[in-house]
Amino acid sequence: MRLETLHRELLTICLRLEEVAADIEMSASEPVRELAQSIPAILKEVHDLEEHTLFPDFDRNAGSLFAAKAIERLKADHRCDRLAAEELSLLFCALADGRSDLGPDTIARLLHGFQEALRRHIHAESLLMEALLAAKSEAREIFQ
């Protein structure tokens, strides 16, 4: 499934962010510039797929007020994730160009916060996919 592949790519990015945060002074290089470009692009692709495929499918199959509330919460998280990714991208470009005035500890905390939020979000959506698959499975059993 494409969404699972994209989630794995985001988790790989989280690992790369941890590496950058671990040695921020050594991170002002091309790999940082590559991260600056890849994070917003992959995040946009994931969010588009989720919002146009996963969320409507979950809403149709869950049949509860909880589903609608969960989807709204995840969409709000998407907006925050996109803004944070854009800020992170700008920070990485500044780092790669040697023009960041933030200290290494501040940058490391920002990176840890972003990747932790991203991991929690991916986990929540993985649970959503599992619930969707379970609901579809139950519906098939009822109609057979």
N, C-alpha and C. Protein backbone atom coordinates (compact mmCIF):
# COMPACT_ATOMS: atom_id res chain seq x y z
N MET A 1 0.85 -1.18 0.00
CA MET A 1 0.00 0.00 0.00
C MET A 1 0.89 1.24 0.00
N ARG A 2 0.56 2.19 -0.85
CA ARG A 2 1.37 3.40 -1.01
C ARG A 2 1.49 4.19 0.30
N LEU A 3 0.42 4.25 1.06
CA LEU A 3 0.45 5.02 2.30
C LEU A 3 1.44 4.42 3.30
N GLU A 4 1.47 3.11 3.40
CA GLU A 4 2.43 2.46 4.30
C GLU A 4 3.86 2.75 3.87
N THR A 5 4.11 2.75 2.56
CA THR A 5 5.44 3.06 2.04
C THR A 5 5.83 4.48 2.40
N LEU A 6 4.90 5.41 2.24
CA LEU A 6 5.18 6.81 2.57
C LEU A 6 5.40 6.99 4.07
N HIS A 7 4.64 6.27 4.87
CA HIS A 7 4.85 6.33 6.32
C HIS A 7 6.25 5.83 6.67
N ARG A 8 6.69 4.76 6.02
CA ARG A 8 8.05 4.25 6.28
C ARG A 8 9.10 5.29 5.86
N GLU A 9 8.86 5.99 4.76
CA GLU A 9 9.79 7.04 4.33
C GLU A 9 9.85 8.16 5.38
N LEU A 10 8.70 8.52 5.93
CA LEU A 10 8.69 9.54 6.97
C LEU A 10 9.43 9.07 8.22
N LEU A 11 9.27 7.81 8.57
CA LEU A 11 9.99 7.28 9.74
C LEU A 11 11.50 7.25 9.47
N THR A 12 11.89 7.01 8.24
CA THR A 12 13.31 7.08 7.87
C THR A 12 13.81 8.51 8.01
N ILE A 13 12.99 9.45 7.61
CA ILE A 13 13.36 10.86 7.79
C ILE A 13 13.52 11.17 9.27
N CYS A 14 12.66 10.62 10.11
CA CYS A 14 12.80 10.83 11.56
C CYS A 14 14.16 10.34 12.05
N LEU A 15 14.61 9.20 11.55
CA LEU A 15 15.93 8.69 11.93
C LEU A 15 17.03 9.64 11.46
N ARG A 16 16.88 10.16 10.26
CA ARG A 16 17.87 11.12 9.74
C ARG A 16 17.88 12.39 10.58
N LEU A 17 16.70 12.82 11.02
CA LEU A 17 16.62 14.00 11.88
C LEU A 17 17.34 13.76 13.21
N GLU A 18 17.21 12.55 13.74
CA GLU A 18 17.93 12.21 14.97
C GLU A 18 19.44 12.29 14.76
N GLU A 19 19.90 11.82 13.60
CA GLU A 19 21.33 11.88 13.31
C GLU A 19 21.80 13.33 13.21
N VAL A 20 21.02 14.16 12.55
CA VAL A 20 21.37 15.58 12.43
C VAL A 20 21.40 16.22 13.81
N ALA A 21 20.39 15.93 14.63
CA ALA A 21 20.32 16.52 15.96
C ALA A 21 21.48 16.05 16.84
N ALA A 22 21.93 14.82 16.65
CA ALA A 22 23.02 14.28 17.47
C ALA A 22 24.33 15.00 17.22
N ASP A 23 24.53 15.48 16.01
CA ASP A 23 25.79 16.15 15.69
C ASP A 23 25.52 17.36 14.81
N ILE A 24 24.84 18.33 15.38
CA ILE A 24 24.35 19.47 14.62
C ILE A 24 25.48 20.29 13.99
N GLU A 25 26.63 20.37 14.65
CA GLU A 25 27.72 21.16 14.07
C GLU A 25 28.27 20.54 12.80
N MET A 26 28.15 19.22 12.66
CA MET A 26 28.65 18.54 11.47
C MET A 26 27.58 18.44 10.38
N SER A 27 26.41 19.01 10.63
CA SER A 27 25.28 18.80 9.74
C SER A 27 25.06 19.90 8.71
N ALA A 28 25.91 20.89 8.68
CA ALA A 28 25.75 21.97 7.70
C ALA A 28 26.33 21.51 6.36
N SER A 29 25.60 20.65 5.66
CA SER A 29 26.11 20.05 4.44
C SER A 29 24.97 19.74 3.48
N GLU A 30 25.30 19.12 2.37
CA GLU A 30 24.30 18.76 1.37
C GLU A 30 23.21 17.83 1.90
N PRO A 31 23.51 16.82 2.75
CA PRO A 31 22.42 15.99 3.26
C PRO A 31 21.34 16.81 3.99
N VAL A 32 21.76 17.87 4.65
CA VAL A 32 20.79 18.73 5.33
C VAL A 32 19.94 19.47 4.31
N ARG A 33 20.56 19.93 3.25
CA ARG A 33 19.82 20.60 2.18
C ARG A 33 18.83 19.62 1.53
N GLU A 34 19.26 18.38 1.36
CA GLU A 34 18.38 17.35 0.80
C GLU A 34 17.17 17.13 1.71
N LEU A 35 17.40 17.06 3.02
CA LEU A 35 16.30 16.92 3.97
C LEU A 35 15.36 18.12 3.87
N ALA A 36 15.93 19.30 3.72
CA ALA A 36 15.12 20.52 3.62
C ALA A 36 14.13 20.43 2.46
N GLN A 37 14.55 19.81 1.39
CA GLN A 37 13.68 19.69 0.22
C GLN A 37 12.72 18.51 0.33
N SER A 38 13.17 17.42 0.94
CA SER A 38 12.36 16.20 0.94
C SER A 38 11.22 16.22 1.96
N ILE A 39 11.44 16.81 3.12
CA ILE A 39 10.42 16.74 4.17
C ILE A 39 9.08 17.34 3.74
N PRO A 40 9.04 18.59 3.28
CA PRO A 40 7.72 19.13 2.89
C PRO A 40 7.08 18.37 1.74
N ALA A 41 7.88 17.90 0.80
CA ALA A 41 7.33 17.19 -0.37
C ALA A 41 6.70 15.86 0.03
N ILE A 42 7.39 15.07 0.83
CA ILE A 42 6.85 13.77 1.25
C ILE A 42 5.64 13.97 2.16
N LEU A 43 5.74 14.96 3.05
CA LEU A 43 4.61 15.23 3.94
C LEU A 43 3.37 15.61 3.15
N LYS A 44 3.52 16.43 2.12
CA LYS A 44 2.39 16.82 1.29
C LYS A 44 1.78 15.60 0.60
N GLU A 45 2.63 14.74 0.06
CA GLU A 45 2.13 13.54 -0.61
C GLU A 45 1.36 12.63 0.35
N VAL A 46 1.90 12.44 1.55
CA VAL A 46 1.24 11.62 2.55
C VAL A 46 -0.11 12.22 2.93
N HIS A 47 -0.10 13.51 3.24
CA HIS A 47 -1.33 14.17 3.67
C HIS A 47 -2.40 14.14 2.59
N ASP A 48 -2.01 14.38 1.35
CA ASP A 48 -2.99 14.33 0.25
C ASP A 48 -3.62 12.94 0.14
N LEU A 49 -2.79 11.92 0.21
CA LEU A 49 -3.29 10.55 0.11
C LEU A 49 -4.23 10.23 1.27
N GLU A 50 -3.83 10.62 2.47
CA GLU A 50 -4.67 10.35 3.64
C GLU A 50 -6.01 11.09 3.55
N GLU A 51 -5.94 12.37 3.20
CA GLU A 51 -7.15 13.19 3.21
C GLU A 51 -8.11 12.85 2.07
N HIS A 52 -7.59 12.32 0.97
CA HIS A 52 -8.45 12.02 -0.17
C HIS A 52 -8.85 10.54 -0.25
N THR A 53 -8.13 9.68 0.45
CA THR A 53 -8.43 8.25 0.37
C THR A 53 -8.75 7.65 1.74
N LEU A 54 -7.79 7.72 2.65
CA LEU A 54 -7.95 7.06 3.95
C LEU A 54 -9.09 7.66 4.77
N PHE A 55 -9.10 8.97 4.93
CA PHE A 55 -10.10 9.59 5.80
C PHE A 55 -11.53 9.38 5.30
N PRO A 56 -11.82 9.62 4.02
CA PRO A 56 -13.20 9.36 3.56
C PRO A 56 -13.60 7.88 3.71
N ASP A 57 -12.66 6.99 3.44
CA ASP A 57 -12.94 5.56 3.57
C ASP A 57 -13.22 5.20 5.03
N PHE A 58 -12.43 5.73 5.92
CA PHE A 58 -12.63 5.49 7.35
C PHE A 58 -13.98 6.05 7.80
N ASP A 59 -14.30 7.26 7.36
CA ASP A 59 -15.57 7.90 7.74
C ASP A 59 -16.76 7.07 7.27
N ARG A 60 -16.70 6.55 6.03
CA ARG A 60 -17.79 5.73 5.49
C ARG A 60 -17.96 4.43 6.26
N ASN A 61 -16.86 3.82 6.65
CA ASN A 61 -16.92 2.50 7.27
C ASN A 61 -17.06 2.52 8.78
N ALA A 62 -16.66 3.61 9.41
CA ALA A 62 -16.72 3.66 10.88
C ALA A 62 -18.13 3.93 11.36
N GLY A 63 -18.83 4.81 10.66
CA GLY A 63 -20.22 5.09 11.01
C GLY A 63 -20.41 5.61 12.42
N SER A 64 -19.54 6.52 12.84
CA SER A 64 -19.70 7.07 14.18
C SER A 64 -19.26 8.53 14.22
N LEU A 65 -19.73 9.22 15.23
CA LEU A 65 -19.32 10.61 15.44
C LEU A 65 -17.84 10.66 15.78
N PHE A 66 -17.36 9.63 16.45
CA PHE A 66 -15.94 9.55 16.80
C PHE A 66 -15.07 9.64 15.55
N ALA A 67 -15.46 8.96 14.49
CA ALA A 67 -14.68 8.95 13.26
C ALA A 67 -14.53 10.37 12.71
N ALA A 68 -15.62 11.09 12.65
CA ALA A 68 -15.56 12.47 12.14
C ALA A 68 -14.66 13.34 13.01
N LYS A 69 -14.75 13.19 14.31
CA LYS A 69 -13.91 13.97 15.24
C LYS A 69 -12.44 13.59 15.09
N ALA A 70 -12.17 12.30 14.96
CA ALA A 70 -10.79 11.84 14.79
C ALA A 70 -10.19 12.40 13.50
N ILE A 71 -10.98 12.38 12.45
CA ILE A 71 -10.51 12.89 11.16
C ILE A 71 -10.23 14.39 11.24
N GLU A 72 -11.10 15.14 11.88
CA GLU A 72 -10.87 16.58 12.02
C GLU A 72 -9.59 16.85 12.81
N ARG A 73 -9.36 16.06 13.84
CA ARG A 73 -8.14 16.22 14.65
C ARG A 73 -6.90 15.92 13.81
N LEU A 74 -6.96 14.86 13.02
CA LEU A 74 -5.82 14.50 12.17
C LEU A 74 -5.57 15.56 11.09
N LYS A 75 -6.64 16.13 10.55
CA LYS A 75 -6.47 17.20 9.56
C LYS A 75 -5.83 18.43 10.20
N ALA A 76 -6.21 18.73 11.43
CA ALA A 76 -5.59 19.85 12.15
C ALA A 76 -4.10 19.55 12.38
N ASP A 77 -3.79 18.31 12.72
CA ASP A 77 -2.39 17.90 12.88
C ASP A 77 -1.64 18.07 11.56
N HIS A 78 -2.29 17.77 10.45
CA HIS A 78 -1.65 17.93 9.15
C HIS A 78 -1.25 19.39 8.92
N ARG A 79 -2.16 20.30 9.24
CA ARG A 79 -1.84 21.72 9.06
C ARG A 79 -0.63 22.12 9.90
N CYS A 80 -0.59 21.67 11.13
CA CYS A 80 0.56 21.97 12.01
C CYS A 80 1.83 21.31 11.49
N ASP A 81 1.73 20.07 11.04
CA ASP A 81 2.89 19.36 10.50
C ASP A 81 3.46 20.09 9.29
N ARG A 82 2.56 20.54 8.40
CA ARG A 82 3.03 21.25 7.19
C ARG A 82 3.76 22.54 7.55
N LEU A 83 3.20 23.30 8.48
CA LEU A 83 3.85 24.54 8.90
C LEU A 83 5.20 24.26 9.55
N ALA A 84 5.25 23.26 10.41
CA ALA A 84 6.51 22.90 11.06
C ALA A 84 7.53 22.41 10.03
N ALA A 85 7.08 21.65 9.03
CA ALA A 85 7.99 21.15 7.99
C ALA A 85 8.56 22.30 7.18
N GLU A 86 7.73 23.29 6.88
CA GLU A 86 8.22 24.45 6.14
C GLU A 86 9.26 25.23 6.96
N GLU A 87 8.99 25.39 8.25
CA GLU A 87 9.95 26.07 9.12
C GLU A 87 11.25 25.27 9.21
N LEU A 88 11.12 23.97 9.34
CA LEU A 88 12.29 23.11 9.42
C LEU A 88 13.09 23.18 8.12
N SER A 89 12.39 23.23 7.01
CA SER A 89 13.05 23.34 5.72
C SER A 89 13.86 24.64 5.63
N LEU A 90 13.26 25.74 6.08
CA LEU A 90 13.98 27.02 6.09
C LEU A 90 15.20 26.96 7.00
N LEU A 91 15.04 26.33 8.16
CA LEU A 91 16.15 26.18 9.10
C LEU A 91 17.27 25.37 8.47
N PHE A 92 16.93 24.26 7.81
CA PHE A 92 17.95 23.42 7.18
C PHE A 92 18.69 24.17 6.07
N CYS A 93 17.96 24.97 5.30
CA CYS A 93 18.61 25.76 4.26
C CYS A 93 19.59 26.75 4.89
N ALA A 94 19.16 27.38 5.97
CA ALA A 94 20.04 28.32 6.67
C ALA A 94 21.26 27.60 7.23
N LEU A 95 21.07 26.40 7.79
CA LEU A 95 22.19 25.61 8.29
C LEU A 95 23.16 25.26 7.17
N ALA A 96 22.63 24.80 6.06
CA ALA A 96 23.47 24.40 4.92
C ALA A 96 24.26 25.58 4.37
N ASP A 97 23.67 26.77 4.47
CA ASP A 97 24.34 27.99 3.98
C ASP A 97 25.20 28.65 5.04
N GLY A 98 25.20 28.07 6.25
CA GLY A 98 25.99 28.63 7.34
C GLY A 98 25.47 29.95 7.86
N ARG A 99 24.15 30.17 7.78
CA ARG A 99 23.59 31.45 8.21
C ARG A 99 22.52 31.30 9.30
N SER A 100 22.54 30.22 10.04
CA SER A 100 21.60 30.05 11.14
C SER A 100 22.18 30.68 12.40
N ASP A 101 21.36 31.47 13.08
CA ASP A 101 21.82 32.09 14.32
C ASP A 101 21.31 31.35 15.56
N LEU A 102 20.69 30.19 15.35
CA LEU A 102 20.23 29.37 16.48
C LEU A 102 21.37 28.50 16.99
N GLY A 103 21.39 28.31 18.29
CA GLY A 103 22.40 27.45 18.88
C GLY A 103 22.11 25.98 18.62
N PRO A 104 23.14 25.15 18.72
CA PRO A 104 22.97 23.71 18.46
C PRO A 104 21.92 23.05 19.36
N ASP A 105 21.87 23.43 20.64
CA ASP A 105 20.88 22.83 21.54
C ASP A 105 19.46 23.18 21.11
N THR A 106 19.24 24.40 20.68
CA THR A 106 17.91 24.83 20.23
C THR A 106 17.51 24.06 18.98
N ILE A 107 18.44 23.95 18.05
CA ILE A 107 18.16 23.22 16.81
C ILE A 107 17.86 21.75 17.12
N ALA A 108 18.65 21.15 17.98
CA ALA A 108 18.44 19.75 18.34
C ALA A 108 17.06 19.56 18.96
N ARG A 109 16.65 20.47 19.83
CA ARG A 109 15.32 20.36 20.45
C ARG A 109 14.21 20.49 19.41
N LEU A 110 14.38 21.41 18.47
CA LEU A 110 13.39 21.57 17.40
C LEU A 110 13.26 20.29 16.58
N LEU A 111 14.39 19.70 16.25
CA LEU A 111 14.39 18.48 15.45
C LEU A 111 13.75 17.32 16.21
N HIS A 112 14.09 17.20 17.49
CA HIS A 112 13.49 16.13 18.30
C HIS A 112 11.98 16.33 18.42
N GLY A 113 11.56 17.55 18.65
CA GLY A 113 10.12 17.82 18.77
C GLY A 113 9.36 17.50 17.49
N PHE A 114 9.92 17.89 16.36
CA PHE A 114 9.26 17.62 15.08
C PHE A 114 9.17 16.12 14.81
N GLN A 115 10.27 15.42 14.98
CA GLN A 115 10.24 13.99 14.65
C GLN A 115 9.37 13.22 15.64
N GLU A 116 9.31 13.64 16.89
CA GLU A 116 8.43 12.97 17.85
C GLU A 116 6.96 13.18 17.48
N ALA A 117 6.61 14.41 17.12
CA ALA A 117 5.23 14.70 16.71
C ALA A 117 4.88 13.89 15.46
N LEU A 118 5.82 13.80 14.53
CA LEU A 118 5.60 13.04 13.30
C LEU A 118 5.40 11.56 13.61
N ARG A 119 6.20 11.02 14.49
CA ARG A 119 6.05 9.60 14.84
C ARG A 119 4.70 9.33 15.51
N ARG A 120 4.28 10.21 16.40
CA ARG A 120 2.97 10.03 17.06
C ARG A 120 1.85 10.08 16.03
N HIS A 121 1.97 11.01 15.10
CA HIS A 121 0.95 11.17 14.06
C HIS A 121 0.88 9.92 13.18
N ILE A 122 2.02 9.41 12.78
CA ILE A 122 2.06 8.20 11.96
C ILE A 122 1.45 7.03 12.73
N HIS A 123 1.77 6.93 14.01
CA HIS A 123 1.20 5.86 14.83
C HIS A 123 -0.32 5.97 14.88
N ALA A 124 -0.84 7.18 15.08
CA ALA A 124 -2.29 7.38 15.14
C ALA A 124 -2.94 6.97 13.82
N GLU A 125 -2.32 7.32 12.71
CA GLU A 125 -2.91 6.97 11.42
C GLU A 125 -2.76 5.48 11.12
N SER A 126 -1.74 4.85 11.64
CA SER A 126 -1.62 3.40 11.50
C SER A 126 -2.75 2.70 12.25
N LEU A 127 -3.08 3.20 13.43
CA LEU A 127 -4.21 2.65 14.18
C LEU A 127 -5.52 2.87 13.42
N LEU A 128 -5.64 4.01 12.76
CA LEU A 128 -6.82 4.32 11.96
C LEU A 128 -6.94 3.31 10.81
N MET A 129 -5.82 3.01 10.17
CA MET A 129 -5.84 2.04 9.07
C MET A 129 -6.23 0.65 9.59
N GLU A 130 -5.70 0.28 10.75
CA GLU A 130 -6.06 -1.01 11.33
C GLU A 130 -7.55 -1.07 11.65
N ALA A 131 -8.10 0.02 12.19
CA ALA A 131 -9.53 0.07 12.50
C ALA A 131 -10.36 -0.03 11.23
N LEU A 132 -9.90 0.63 10.18
CA LEU A 132 -10.60 0.58 8.90
C LEU A 132 -10.60 -0.84 8.34
N LEU A 133 -9.46 -1.48 8.37
CA LEU A 133 -9.38 -2.86 7.87
C LEU A 133 -10.27 -3.79 8.69
N ALA A 134 -10.30 -3.58 10.00
CA ALA A 134 -11.16 -4.41 10.87
C ALA A 134 -12.63 -4.18 10.55
N ALA A 135 -13.01 -2.90 10.35
CA ALA A 135 -14.41 -2.58 10.03
C ALA A 135 -14.81 -3.20 8.70
N LYS A 136 -13.93 -3.14 7.72
CA LYS A 136 -14.23 -3.73 6.41
C LYS A 136 -14.34 -5.25 6.53
N SER A 137 -13.48 -5.84 7.33
CA SER A 137 -13.51 -7.29 7.53
C SER A 137 -14.82 -7.71 8.20
N GLU A 138 -15.23 -6.97 9.22
CA GLU A 138 -16.49 -7.27 9.90
C GLU A 138 -17.68 -7.12 8.95
N ALA A 139 -17.65 -6.11 8.11
CA ALA A 139 -18.74 -5.91 7.16
C ALA A 139 -18.82 -7.06 6.17
N ARG A 140 -17.67 -7.56 5.74
CA ARG A 140 -17.67 -8.72 4.82
C ARG A 140 -18.24 -9.95 5.51
N GLU A 141 -17.90 -10.13 6.77
CA GLU A 141 -18.41 -11.30 7.50
C GLU A 141 -19.92 -11.25 7.68
N ILE A 142 -20.44 -10.07 7.91
CA ILE A 142 -21.89 -9.89 8.11
C ILE A 142 -22.66 -10.23 6.83
N PHE A 143 -22.12 -9.82 5.69
CA PHE A 143 -22.82 -10.00 4.43
C PHE A 143 -22.54 -11.34 3.76
N GLN A 144 -21.75 -12.18 4.36
CA GLN A 144 -21.47 -13.49 3.74
C GLN A 144 -22.35 -14.55 4.31
